[in-house]
Amino acid sequence: MENESKLAAGAMVTFAIAVSALVILPYIQVRDVKPPEGLKPYTSAELRGRAVYIANGCMYCHSQQPRSESFAPDAKRGWGRASVPGDYYYDRPHLLGSMRTGPDLLNIGVRQPSKDWHLGHLYQPRAYVPGSIMPPYPYLFDVKDRLDPGEEAINLPPGIAPAGKVVVAKPEMQDLVKYLLSLKREYPILPPEPHAAPGAQPSSAPPADKPGPLQ
């Protein structure tokens, strides 16, 4: 009985330490974080697209967390600066991801701002990135004989669309692309350097009334 009590007590202490380290302390660190000035809330269409992103498991292959140079060469890959807590102020839930089967997407709206590229890439990735292992998403498109009034066919490279057909993005795909295009974290994350007042001396210069060193 004594051993069982020790085992239970040890398990509770271990659980308490884990909760403190993984939940409580991180919450204390970020609870007062404010959104950066350049970060805008998602629109209703972008939120719907974010739901499509989650439903299709995009976070299982793509992270949204560029890392600092001390951890990974993400900046050299063109993925943007290292992320900060404020970058995720409007994200519920956060989609940091845990694997990088594909590139990080937190700044995909900066790297690839073309709506046509995203639509075509999601219809057939290998037409845009040879050798890509990303799956296509044909069920988010309609393949039709002709366009209905108000519809717009997506622009595809020659030979990708079925012969004699047009490919139209469904509303869910249009929202997904709007979400991807909204992923832009290019605003500054540090306050600008203070400027000296006009006529003020640089801080490194000695005061005018202070004698110089003895000759």
C-alpha atoms as a PDB file:
ATOM      1  CA  MET A   1       0.000   0.000   0.000  1.00  0.00           C
ATOM      2  CA  GLU A   2       2.877   2.343   0.816  1.00  0.00           C
ATOM      3  CA  ASN A   3       4.471   1.743  -2.571  1.00  0.00           C
ATOM      4  CA  GLU A   4       1.166   2.458  -4.307  1.00  0.00           C
ATOM      5  CA  SER A   5       0.867   5.752  -2.433  1.00  0.00           C
ATOM      6  CA  LYS A   6       4.394   6.732  -3.425  1.00  0.00           C
ATOM      7  CA  LEU A   7       3.670   5.819  -7.043  1.00  0.00           C
ATOM      8  CA  ALA A   8       0.483   7.883  -7.058  1.00  0.00           C
ATOM      9  CA  ALA A   9       2.202  10.824  -5.401  1.00  0.00           C
ATOM     10  CA  GLY A  10       5.080  10.644  -7.882  1.00  0.00           C
ATOM     11  CA  ALA A  11       2.674  10.542 -10.808  1.00  0.00           C
ATOM     12  CA  MET A  12       0.801  13.591  -9.502  1.00  0.00           C
ATOM     13  CA  VAL A  13       4.021  15.534  -8.971  1.00  0.00           C
ATOM     14  CA  THR A  14       5.221  14.634 -12.472  1.00  0.00           C
ATOM     15  CA  PHE A  15       1.889  15.689 -13.943  1.00  0.00           C
ATOM     16  CA  ALA A  16       1.957  18.989 -12.015  1.00  0.00           C
ATOM     17  CA  ILE A  17       5.478  19.749 -13.236  1.00  0.00           C
ATOM     18  CA  ALA A  18       4.507  18.964 -16.830  1.00  0.00           C
ATOM     19  CA  VAL A  19       1.398  21.175 -16.660  1.00  0.00           C
ATOM     20  CA  SER A  20       3.414  24.002 -15.117  1.00  0.00           C
ATOM     21  CA  ALA A  21       6.153  23.806 -17.746  1.00  0.00           C
ATOM     22  CA  LEU A  22       3.957  23.258 -20.807  1.00  0.00           C
ATOM     23  CA  VAL A  23       0.782  25.197 -19.933  1.00  0.00           C
ATOM     24  CA  ILE A  24       1.040  27.606 -17.010  1.00  0.00           C
ATOM     25  CA  LEU A  25       4.457  29.176 -17.638  1.00  0.00           C
ATOM     26  CA  PRO A  26       3.883  29.683 -21.399  1.00  0.00           C
ATOM     27  CA  TYR A  27       0.501  31.261 -20.621  1.00  0.00           C
ATOM     28  CA  ILE A  28       2.108  33.672 -18.152  1.00  0.00           C
ATOM     29  CA  GLN A  29       4.703  34.609 -20.768  1.00  0.00           C
ATOM     30  CA  VAL A  30       2.236  35.427 -23.564  1.00  0.00           C
ATOM     31  CA  ARG A  31      -0.968  36.473 -21.779  1.00  0.00           C
ATOM     32  CA  ASP A  32      -0.221  40.191 -22.187  1.00  0.00           C
ATOM     33  CA  VAL A  33       0.921  39.981 -25.818  1.00  0.00           C
ATOM     34  CA  LYS A  34      -0.781  42.535 -28.082  1.00  0.00           C
ATOM     35  CA  PRO A  35      -1.228  42.273 -31.850  1.00  0.00           C
ATOM     36  CA  PRO A  36       1.520  44.028 -33.831  1.00  0.00           C
ATOM     37  CA  GLU A  37       0.422  47.206 -35.567  1.00  0.00           C
ATOM     38  CA  GLY A  38       0.642  45.620 -39.017  1.00  0.00           C
ATOM     39  CA  LEU A  39      -1.389  42.512 -38.170  1.00  0.00           C
ATOM     40  CA  LYS A  40      -5.019  42.586 -39.254  1.00  0.00           C
ATOM     41  CA  PRO A  41      -7.885  40.316 -38.102  1.00  0.00           C
ATOM     42  CA  TYR A  42      -9.007  37.646 -40.561  1.00  0.00           C
ATOM     43  CA  THR A  43     -11.985  38.444 -42.745  1.00  0.00           C
ATOM     44  CA  SER A  44     -14.986  36.101 -42.760  1.00  0.00           C
ATOM     45  CA  ALA A  45     -13.806  34.577 -46.076  1.00  0.00           C
ATOM     46  CA  GLU A  46     -10.294  34.055 -44.693  1.00  0.00           C
ATOM     47  CA  LEU A  47     -11.715  32.378 -41.589  1.00  0.00           C
ATOM     48  CA  ARG A  48     -13.737  30.016 -43.792  1.00  0.00           C
ATOM     49  CA  GLY A  49     -10.594  29.300 -45.760  1.00  0.00           C
ATOM     50  CA  ARG A  50      -8.713  28.621 -42.551  1.00  0.00           C
ATOM     51  CA  ALA A  51     -11.359  26.036 -41.669  1.00  0.00           C
ATOM     52  CA  VAL A  52     -10.791  24.391 -45.071  1.00  0.00           C
ATOM     53  CA  TYR A  53      -7.037  24.423 -44.368  1.00  0.00           C
ATOM     54  CA  ILE A  54      -7.643  22.604 -41.077  1.00  0.00           C
ATOM     55  CA  ALA A  55     -10.207  20.173 -42.513  1.00  0.00           C
ATOM     56  CA  ASN A  56      -7.775  19.069 -45.226  1.00  0.00           C
ATOM     57  CA  GLY A  57      -4.924  18.502 -42.793  1.00  0.00           C
ATOM     58  CA  CYS A  58      -2.569  21.061 -44.311  1.00  0.00           C
ATOM     59  CA  MET A  59      -0.850  21.600 -40.947  1.00  0.00           C
ATOM     60  CA  TYR A  60       0.366  17.987 -40.943  1.00  0.00           C
ATOM     61  CA  CYS A  61       2.819  18.775 -43.762  1.00  0.00           C
ATOM     62  CA  HIS A  62       3.322  22.533 -43.416  1.00  0.00           C
ATOM     63  CA  SER A  63       4.431  24.489 -40.379  1.00  0.00           C
ATOM     64  CA  GLN A  64       3.613  28.135 -39.695  1.00  0.00           C
ATOM     65  CA  GLN A  65       6.614  28.897 -37.534  1.00  0.00           C
ATOM     66  CA  PRO A  66       9.775  30.252 -39.193  1.00  0.00           C
ATOM     67  CA  ARG A  67      12.652  29.751 -36.795  1.00  0.00           C
ATOM     68  CA  SER A  68      15.640  31.873 -35.891  1.00  0.00           C
ATOM     69  CA  GLU A  69      19.002  31.372 -37.556  1.00  0.00           C
ATOM     70  CA  SER A  70      20.316  29.597 -34.459  1.00  0.00           C
ATOM     71  CA  PHE A  71      17.812  26.766 -35.022  1.00  0.00           C
ATOM     72  CA  ALA A  72      17.304  26.525 -38.790  1.00  0.00           C
ATOM     73  CA  PRO A  73      18.208  28.388 -42.014  1.00  0.00           C
ATOM     74  CA  ASP A  74      14.587  29.444 -42.546  1.00  0.00           C
ATOM     75  CA  ALA A  75      15.474  33.044 -43.465  1.00  0.00           C
ATOM     76  CA  LYS A  76      17.910  31.802 -46.132  1.00  0.00           C
ATOM     77  CA  ARG A  77      15.115  29.605 -47.503  1.00  0.00           C
ATOM     78  CA  GLY A  78      13.058  32.749 -48.006  1.00  0.00           C
ATOM     79  CA  TRP A  79      10.500  31.847 -45.357  1.00  0.00           C
ATOM     80  CA  GLY A  80      10.715  35.189 -43.539  1.00  0.00           C
ATOM     81  CA  ARG A  81      11.915  36.340 -40.166  1.00  0.00           C
ATOM     82  CA  ALA A  82      11.543  34.218 -37.050  1.00  0.00           C
ATOM     83  CA  SER A  83       7.977  34.351 -35.740  1.00  0.00           C
ATOM     84  CA  VAL A  84       7.003  35.984 -32.439  1.00  0.00           C
ATOM     85  CA  PRO A  85       3.963  35.393 -30.202  1.00  0.00           C
ATOM     86  CA  GLY A  86       2.158  38.467 -31.525  1.00  0.00           C
ATOM     87  CA  ASP A  87       2.092  36.955 -35.026  1.00  0.00           C
ATOM     88  CA  TYR A  88      -0.555  34.492 -33.822  1.00  0.00           C
ATOM     89  CA  TYR A  89      -2.775  36.914 -31.920  1.00  0.00           C
ATOM     90  CA  TYR A  90      -5.850  36.187 -34.075  1.00  0.00           C
ATOM     91  CA  ASP A  91      -5.166  32.459 -34.552  1.00  0.00           C
ATOM     92  CA  ARG A  92      -7.584  30.128 -32.788  1.00  0.00           C
ATOM     93  CA  PRO A  93      -6.352  27.419 -32.725  1.00  0.00           C
ATOM     94  CA  HIS A  94      -2.715  28.018 -33.510  1.00  0.00           C
ATOM     95  CA  LEU A  95      -1.439  26.087 -36.516  1.00  0.00           C
ATOM     96  CA  LEU A  96       2.277  25.951 -35.706  1.00  0.00           C
ATOM     97  CA  GLY A  97       2.641  22.470 -37.199  1.00  0.00           C
ATOM     98  CA  SER A  98       5.169  19.831 -36.222  1.00  0.00           C
ATOM     99  CA  MET A  99       6.526  18.589 -39.573  1.00  0.00           C
ATOM    100  CA  ARG A 100       7.900  20.155 -42.735  1.00  0.00           C
ATOM    101  CA  THR A 101       7.101  17.771 -45.499  1.00  0.00           C
ATOM    102  CA  GLY A 102       6.461  21.000 -47.410  1.00  0.00           C
ATOM    103  CA  PRO A 103       7.728  24.559 -46.826  1.00  0.00           C
ATOM    104  CA  ASP A 104       6.651  26.794 -43.974  1.00  0.00           C
ATOM    105  CA  LEU A 105       3.572  28.850 -44.905  1.00  0.00           C
ATOM    106  CA  LEU A 106       3.436  31.700 -42.404  1.00  0.00           C
ATOM    107  CA  ASN A 107       4.620  34.113 -45.107  1.00  0.00           C
ATOM    108  CA  ILE A 108       3.333  32.370 -48.226  1.00  0.00           C
ATOM    109  CA  GLY A 109       1.215  35.431 -49.044  1.00  0.00           C
ATOM    110  CA  VAL A 110       4.439  37.447 -49.346  1.00  0.00           C
ATOM    111  CA  ARG A 111       6.454  34.835 -51.253  1.00  0.00           C
ATOM    112  CA  GLN A 112       3.656  33.945 -53.657  1.00  0.00           C
ATOM    113  CA  PRO A 113       0.994  36.672 -53.967  1.00  0.00           C
ATOM    114  CA  SER A 114      -0.611  35.265 -57.142  1.00  0.00           C
ATOM    115  CA  LYS A 115      -4.148  33.934 -56.729  1.00  0.00           C
ATOM    116  CA  ASP A 116      -3.875  32.113 -60.064  1.00  0.00           C
ATOM    117  CA  TRP A 117      -0.706  30.330 -58.935  1.00  0.00           C
ATOM    118  CA  HIS A 118      -2.321  29.064 -55.740  1.00  0.00           C
ATOM    119  CA  LEU A 119      -5.464  27.865 -57.519  1.00  0.00           C
ATOM    120  CA  GLY A 120      -3.475  26.007 -60.150  1.00  0.00           C
ATOM    121  CA  HIS A 121      -1.010  24.608 -57.634  1.00  0.00           C
ATOM    122  CA  LEU A 122      -3.790  23.213 -55.472  1.00  0.00           C
ATOM    123  CA  TYR A 123      -5.453  21.681 -58.530  1.00  0.00           C
ATOM    124  CA  GLN A 124      -2.245  19.987 -59.717  1.00  0.00           C
ATOM    125  CA  PRO A 125       0.912  20.704 -57.675  1.00  0.00           C
ATOM    126  CA  ARG A 126       3.319  18.936 -60.040  1.00  0.00           C
ATOM    127  CA  ALA A 127       2.387  21.286 -62.880  1.00  0.00           C
ATOM    128  CA  TYR A 128       4.031  24.068 -60.859  1.00  0.00           C
ATOM    129  CA  VAL A 129       6.622  22.281 -58.720  1.00  0.00           C
ATOM    130  CA  PRO A 130       8.058  19.260 -60.568  1.00  0.00           C
ATOM    131  CA  GLY A 131       8.688  16.361 -58.216  1.00  0.00           C
ATOM    132  CA  SER A 132       6.294  17.691 -55.567  1.00  0.00           C
ATOM    133  CA  ILE A 133       4.721  15.015 -53.355  1.00  0.00           C
ATOM    134  CA  MET A 134       1.827  17.279 -52.371  1.00  0.00           C
ATOM    135  CA  PRO A 135      -1.555  15.732 -53.192  1.00  0.00           C
ATOM    136  CA  PRO A 136      -3.940  17.544 -55.560  1.00  0.00           C
ATOM    137  CA  TYR A 137      -7.386  18.628 -54.372  1.00  0.00           C
ATOM    138  CA  PRO A 138      -9.653  18.040 -57.398  1.00  0.00           C
ATOM    139  CA  TYR A 139     -12.753  17.709 -55.215  1.00  0.00           C
ATOM    140  CA  LEU A 140     -12.490  21.419 -54.435  1.00  0.00           C
ATOM    141  CA  PHE A 141     -12.914  22.232 -58.132  1.00  0.00           C
ATOM    142  CA  ASP A 142     -15.617  21.705 -60.745  1.00  0.00           C
ATOM    143  CA  VAL A 143     -14.682  20.457 -64.226  1.00  0.00           C
ATOM    144  CA  LYS A 144     -17.318  21.693 -66.662  1.00  0.00           C
ATOM    145  CA  ASP A 145     -18.082  21.881 -70.357  1.00  0.00           C
ATOM    146  CA  ARG A 146     -18.669  25.629 -70.212  1.00  0.00           C
ATOM    147  CA  LEU A 147     -18.772  28.441 -67.707  1.00  0.00           C
ATOM    148  CA  ASP A 148     -22.009  29.522 -66.084  1.00  0.00           C
ATOM    149  CA  PRO A 149     -22.752  33.257 -65.844  1.00  0.00           C
ATOM    150  CA  GLY A 150     -20.487  34.905 -63.299  1.00  0.00           C
ATOM    151  CA  GLU A 151     -18.007  32.016 -63.166  1.00  0.00           C
ATOM    152  CA  GLU A 152     -14.305  32.286 -63.929  1.00  0.00           C
ATOM    153  CA  ALA A 153     -12.101  29.446 -65.101  1.00  0.00           C
ATOM    154  CA  ILE A 154      -8.749  29.080 -63.374  1.00  0.00           C
ATOM    155  CA  ASN A 155      -5.627  29.660 -65.458  1.00  0.00           C
ATOM    156  CA  LEU A 156      -3.733  26.391 -65.877  1.00  0.00           C
ATOM    157  CA  PRO A 157      -0.603  25.514 -67.839  1.00  0.00           C
ATOM    158  CA  PRO A 158      -1.258  23.882 -71.240  1.00  0.00           C
ATOM    159  CA  GLY A 159      -2.320  20.249 -71.031  1.00  0.00           C
ATOM    160  CA  ILE A 160      -3.353  20.280 -67.369  1.00  0.00           C
ATOM    161  CA  ALA A 161      -7.101  20.833 -67.745  1.00  0.00           C
ATOM    162  CA  PRO A 162      -9.095  17.951 -69.280  1.00  0.00           C
ATOM    163  CA  ALA A 163      -9.456  18.396 -73.043  1.00  0.00           C
ATOM    164  CA  GLY A 164     -12.423  20.584 -73.982  1.00  0.00           C
ATOM    165  CA  LYS A 165     -13.222  21.362 -70.331  1.00  0.00           C
ATOM    166  CA  VAL A 166     -12.901  24.333 -68.005  1.00  0.00           C
ATOM    167  CA  VAL A 167     -11.908  24.097 -64.348  1.00  0.00           C
ATOM    168  CA  VAL A 168     -13.702  26.292 -61.815  1.00  0.00           C
ATOM    169  CA  ALA A 169     -12.732  26.692 -58.161  1.00  0.00           C
ATOM    170  CA  LYS A 170     -15.506  25.924 -55.693  1.00  0.00           C
ATOM    171  CA  PRO A 171     -16.267  28.530 -53.002  1.00  0.00           C
ATOM    172  CA  GLU A 172     -14.319  26.488 -50.442  1.00  0.00           C
ATOM    173  CA  MET A 173     -11.194  26.610 -52.614  1.00  0.00           C
ATOM    174  CA  GLN A 174     -11.597  30.332 -53.230  1.00  0.00           C
ATOM    175  CA  ASP A 175     -11.773  30.887 -49.473  1.00  0.00           C
ATOM    176  CA  LEU A 176      -8.725  28.675 -48.897  1.00  0.00           C
ATOM    177  CA  VAL A 177      -6.673  30.737 -51.332  1.00  0.00           C
ATOM    178  CA  LYS A 178      -7.831  33.958 -49.645  1.00  0.00           C
ATOM    179  CA  TYR A 179      -6.583  32.527 -46.350  1.00  0.00           C
ATOM    180  CA  LEU A 180      -3.205  31.581 -47.857  1.00  0.00           C
ATOM    181  CA  LEU A 181      -2.825  35.049 -49.356  1.00  0.00           C
ATOM    182  CA  SER A 182      -3.544  36.562 -45.918  1.00  0.00           C
ATOM    183  CA  LEU A 183      -0.498  34.835 -44.414  1.00  0.00           C
ATOM    184  CA  LYS A 184       1.837  37.828 -44.356  1.00  0.00           C
ATOM    185  CA  ARG A 185       4.099  38.549 -41.410  1.00  0.00           C
ATOM    186  CA  GLU A 186       6.356  41.181 -42.949  1.00  0.00           C
ATOM    187  CA  TYR A 187       5.677  44.061 -40.554  1.00  0.00           C
ATOM    188  CA  PRO A 188       8.429  45.131 -38.122  1.00  0.00           C
ATOM    189  CA  ILE A 189       8.353  43.491 -34.719  1.00  0.00           C
ATOM    190  CA  LEU A 190      10.664  45.901 -32.865  1.00  0.00           C
ATOM    191  CA  PRO A 191      10.039  49.596 -32.180  1.00  0.00           C
ATOM    192  CA  PRO A 192      12.048  51.997 -34.350  1.00  0.00           C
ATOM    193  CA  GLU A 193      15.300  53.399 -32.992  1.00  0.00           C
ATOM    194  CA  PRO A 194      14.757  56.677 -31.098  1.00  0.00           C
ATOM    195  CA  HIS A 195      15.849  59.813 -32.942  1.00  0.00           C
ATOM    196  CA  ALA A 196      17.764  62.563 -31.200  1.00  0.00           C
ATOM    197  CA  ALA A 197      16.034  65.901 -30.829  1.00  0.00           C
ATOM    198  CA  PRO A 198      17.180  68.636 -33.246  1.00  0.00           C
ATOM    199  CA  GLY A 199      20.384  70.253 -31.980  1.00  0.00           C
ATOM    200  CA  ALA A 200      20.991  67.552 -29.391  1.00  0.00           C
ATOM    201  CA  GLN A 201      24.498  66.147 -29.084  1.00  0.00           C
ATOM    202  CA  PRO A 202      25.138  62.416 -29.633  1.00  0.00           C
ATOM    203  CA  SER A 203      25.194  60.520 -26.365  1.00  0.00           C
ATOM    204  CA  SER A 204      28.782  59.446 -27.005  1.00  0.00           C
ATOM    205  CA  ALA A 205      30.062  63.049 -27.081  1.00  0.00           C
ATOM    206  CA  PRO A 206      31.199  64.620 -23.799  1.00  0.00           C
ATOM    207  CA  PRO A 207      29.144  67.542 -22.449  1.00  0.00           C
ATOM    208  CA  ALA A 208      30.234  70.930 -23.763  1.00  0.00           C
ATOM    209  CA  ASP A 209      31.216  72.244 -20.309  1.00  0.00           C
ATOM    210  CA  LYS A 210      33.278  69.180 -19.390  1.00  0.00           C
ATOM    211  CA  PRO A 211      37.029  69.770 -19.797  1.00  0.00           C
ATOM    212  CA  GLY A 212      38.888  67.448 -22.078  1.00  0.00           C
ATOM    213  CA  PRO A 213      41.732  65.194 -20.980  1.00  0.00           C
ATOM    214  CA  LEU A 214      44.930  66.848 -19.692  1.00  0.00           C
ATOM    215  CA  GLN A 215      47.640  67.330 -22.340  1.00  0.00           C
END
